[in-house]
Protein backbone atom coordinates (compact mmCIF):
# COMPACT_ATOMS: atom_id res chain seq x y z
CA UNK A 1 -268.70 45.07 -148.87
CA UNK A 2 -269.49 48.41 -150.44
CA UNK A 3 -267.42 49.28 -153.48
CA UNK A 4 -265.11 52.27 -153.25
CA UNK A 5 -263.77 54.24 -156.20
CA UNK A 6 -260.46 54.59 -154.36
CA UNK A 7 -259.90 50.85 -154.02
CA UNK A 8 -261.57 49.59 -157.24
CA UNK A 9 -260.37 48.91 -160.75
CA UNK A 10 -262.67 48.16 -163.69
CA UNK A 11 -261.71 45.08 -165.72
CA UNK A 12 -263.52 44.69 -169.06
CA UNK A 13 -263.12 41.23 -170.56
CA UNK A 14 -263.26 40.61 -174.32
CA UNK A 15 -265.92 43.03 -175.54
CA UNK A 16 -265.04 42.32 -179.16
CA UNK A 17 -266.53 42.89 -182.62
CA UNK A 18 -266.88 39.26 -183.67
CA UNK A 19 -267.92 37.93 -180.28
CA UNK A 20 -270.58 40.33 -179.02
CA UNK A 21 -273.16 39.99 -181.83
CA UNK A 22 -273.77 36.39 -180.71
CA UNK A 23 -274.15 37.36 -177.03
CA UNK A 24 -277.67 37.78 -175.67
CA UNK A 25 -278.67 41.38 -174.91
CA UNK A 26 -275.27 42.61 -176.08
CA UNK A 27 -276.49 46.17 -176.67
CA UNK A 28 -277.43 46.57 -172.99
CA UNK A 29 -274.15 44.94 -171.94
CA UNK A 30 -272.23 47.55 -173.97
CA UNK A 31 -274.30 50.42 -172.54
CA UNK A 32 -273.73 49.22 -168.97
CA UNK A 33 -269.97 49.03 -169.65
CA UNK A 34 -270.02 52.53 -171.12
CA UNK A 35 -271.79 53.83 -168.01
CA UNK A 36 -269.14 52.31 -165.75
CA UNK A 37 -266.36 53.66 -167.98
CA UNK A 38 -267.80 57.19 -167.75
CA UNK A 39 -267.98 56.81 -163.96
CA UNK A 40 -264.43 55.44 -163.83
CA UNK A 41 -263.19 58.51 -165.72
CA UNK A 42 -265.01 60.91 -163.39
CA UNK A 43 -263.90 59.14 -160.22
CA UNK A 44 -260.32 58.19 -161.12
CA UNK A 45 -260.95 54.44 -161.13
CA UNK A 46 -258.25 52.45 -162.94
CA UNK A 47 -259.40 50.64 -166.10
CA UNK A 48 -258.06 47.64 -167.99
CA UNK A 49 -259.65 45.88 -170.97
CA UNK A 50 -258.66 42.58 -172.54
CA UNK A 51 -259.10 41.22 -176.04
CA UNK A 52 -259.15 37.45 -176.62
CA UNK A 53 -257.13 36.62 -179.74
CA UNK A 54 -257.96 39.90 -181.53
CA UNK A 55 -256.76 38.54 -184.91
CA UNK A 56 -259.72 36.15 -184.80
CA UNK A 57 -262.32 37.95 -182.70
CA UNK A 58 -261.53 41.50 -183.75
CA UNK A 59 -260.90 44.59 -181.64
CA UNK A 60 -262.99 45.94 -178.77
CA UNK A 61 -266.35 47.20 -180.04
CA UNK A 62 -266.24 50.85 -181.07
CA UNK A 63 -268.69 52.23 -178.45
CA UNK A 64 -266.41 50.89 -175.69
CA UNK A 65 -263.08 51.40 -177.47
CA UNK A 66 -263.77 55.11 -177.91
CA UNK A 67 -263.74 55.48 -174.11
CA UNK A 68 -260.49 53.54 -173.62
CA UNK A 69 -256.92 54.73 -173.92
CA UNK A 70 -254.69 52.49 -176.07
CA UNK A 71 -252.53 51.61 -173.04
CA UNK A 72 -255.63 50.24 -171.26
CA UNK A 73 -256.21 47.45 -173.82
CA UNK A 74 -254.24 44.21 -173.72
CA UNK A 75 -254.40 41.19 -176.03
CA UNK A 76 -254.44 37.68 -174.57
CA UNK A 77 -254.89 34.11 -175.69
CA UNK A 78 -255.55 32.42 -172.33
CA UNK A 79 -259.21 32.29 -171.37
CA UNK A 80 -258.44 33.60 -167.88
CA UNK A 81 -256.83 37.02 -168.18
CA UNK A 82 -254.61 36.11 -165.23
CA UNK A 83 -253.14 33.13 -167.12
CA UNK A 84 -251.50 35.61 -169.47
CA UNK A 85 -248.38 36.80 -167.57
CA UNK A 86 -248.45 40.32 -169.05
CA UNK A 87 -252.10 40.85 -168.16
CA UNK A 88 -251.61 39.36 -164.69
CA UNK A 89 -248.70 41.74 -164.08
CA UNK A 90 -250.77 44.69 -165.28
CA UNK A 91 -253.67 43.75 -162.96
CA UNK A 92 -251.19 43.67 -160.06
CA UNK A 93 -249.78 47.04 -161.10
CA UNK A 94 -253.25 48.61 -160.89
CA UNK A 95 -252.76 48.53 -157.13
CA UNK A 96 -256.46 48.24 -156.39
CA UNK A 97 -257.93 45.87 -153.83
CA UNK A 98 -261.19 45.17 -155.66
CA UNK A 99 -261.75 44.29 -159.31
CA UNK A 100 -265.10 45.13 -160.86
CA UNK A 101 -265.44 42.69 -163.76
CA UNK A 102 -267.66 42.88 -166.84
CA UNK A 103 -267.52 41.35 -170.31
CA UNK A 104 -267.99 38.20 -172.33
CA UNK A 105 -268.50 35.37 -172.28
CA UNK A 106 -269.77 34.96 -168.73
CA UNK A 107 -269.13 31.23 -168.56
CA UNK A 108 -265.70 31.23 -170.21
CA UNK A 109 -263.28 34.15 -169.99
CA UNK A 110 -265.19 36.14 -167.36
CA UNK A 111 -265.69 33.08 -165.14
CA UNK A 112 -262.10 31.85 -165.40
CA UNK A 113 -260.70 35.35 -164.77
CA UNK A 114 -262.93 35.83 -161.73
CA UNK A 115 -262.03 32.42 -160.28
CA UNK A 116 -258.32 33.17 -160.73
CA UNK A 117 -258.69 36.62 -159.13
CA UNK A 118 -260.43 35.10 -156.11
CA UNK A 119 -257.83 32.34 -155.98
CA UNK A 120 -255.18 35.04 -155.73
CA UNK A 121 -256.94 36.68 -152.81
CA UNK A 122 -258.55 39.57 -154.67
CA UNK A 123 -262.01 40.95 -153.92
CA UNK A 124 -264.23 40.71 -157.00
CA UNK A 125 -267.56 42.25 -157.99
CA UNK A 126 -269.12 40.77 -161.14
CA UNK A 127 -271.54 43.11 -162.90
CA UNK A 128 -274.55 40.93 -163.76
CA UNK A 129 -276.06 43.32 -166.31
CA UNK A 130 -272.66 43.88 -167.96
CA UNK A 131 -271.68 40.25 -168.57
CA UNK A 132 -273.13 38.03 -171.22
CA UNK A 133 -273.13 34.68 -172.95
CA UNK A 134 -274.72 33.20 -176.06
CA UNK A 135 -277.14 31.18 -173.92
CA UNK A 136 -278.97 32.47 -170.85
CA UNK A 137 -278.36 29.23 -168.97
CA UNK A 138 -274.58 29.62 -169.36
CA UNK A 139 -274.73 33.16 -167.94
CA UNK A 140 -276.98 32.16 -165.04
CA UNK A 141 -274.81 29.17 -164.17
CA UNK A 142 -271.63 31.25 -164.34
CA UNK A 143 -273.09 33.91 -162.03
CA UNK A 144 -274.10 31.24 -159.50
CA UNK A 145 -270.66 29.67 -159.64
CA UNK A 146 -268.84 33.00 -159.25
CA UNK A 147 -271.07 33.97 -156.32
CA UNK A 148 -270.39 30.63 -154.61
CA UNK A 149 -266.66 31.13 -155.16
CA UNK A 150 -266.83 34.44 -153.28
CA UNK A 151 -267.58 37.10 -155.88
CA UNK A 152 -270.14 39.78 -155.17
CA UNK A 153 -272.77 39.92 -157.92
CA UNK A 154 -273.81 43.53 -158.56
CA UNK A 155 -275.36 45.73 -161.24
CA UNK A 156 -273.78 48.64 -163.10
CA UNK A 157 -276.02 51.08 -161.23
CA UNK A 158 -274.87 49.61 -157.90
CA UNK A 159 -271.25 50.07 -158.96
CA UNK A 160 -271.71 53.70 -159.99
CA UNK A 161 -273.75 54.74 -156.94
CA UNK A 162 -271.35 53.00 -154.56
CA UNK A 163 -268.38 54.66 -156.27
CA UNK A 164 -270.16 58.03 -156.01
CA UNK A 165 -270.99 57.60 -152.30
CA UNK A 166 -273.23 60.70 -152.15
CA UNK A 167 -275.47 63.00 -154.15
CA UNK A 168 -274.87 66.69 -154.72
CA UNK A 169 -271.26 66.44 -155.86
CA UNK A 170 -269.99 67.59 -159.25
CA UNK A 171 -269.33 63.95 -160.16
CA UNK A 172 -272.90 63.01 -159.23
CA UNK A 173 -274.23 65.87 -161.37
CA UNK A 174 -272.08 64.75 -164.30
CA UNK A 175 -273.19 61.11 -164.08
CA UNK A 176 -276.88 61.38 -163.17
CA UNK A 177 -277.98 62.09 -166.77
CA UNK A 178 -276.30 58.83 -167.82
CA UNK A 179 -278.00 56.96 -165.01
CA UNK A 180 -281.40 58.40 -165.92
CA UNK A 181 -280.93 58.07 -169.66
CA UNK A 182 -281.20 54.31 -169.93
């Protein structure tokens, strides 16, 4: 399945101030999420971000938060975003067939959200270079489990190029410096 900007939504899970510093390669994770957010803005892809218990884990990290609108960020306490009724309703309201999922931690909130999305019949693409955990083994195991459950495992570059579909467009010209600049 190729990803389409018209049928995709970007779901960013728990990219928070007090969580990310402990996540391996968190700087790259944030940059990959920023790239996809820029592409989502250019290509009219719906965006939703969650925050796990923000009183304890803090808000979304500033480099990501600055690209989000306030109405795109929702607090939750369930590990799976879909186990929070308000978030689940919002995901349904996005009206997109495929969810592109990134965030932290891979083996907890990302994994449980992805498994619930698949269980509800949604197509899911997990962005391998935009998810993270404190331990590499947890991330690797989560990616294997999500793939076996039916998720596509992709990279941020794959997402952006598939959403773009072709070179030579104004959107391509706007995004290519970001793709080259990493």
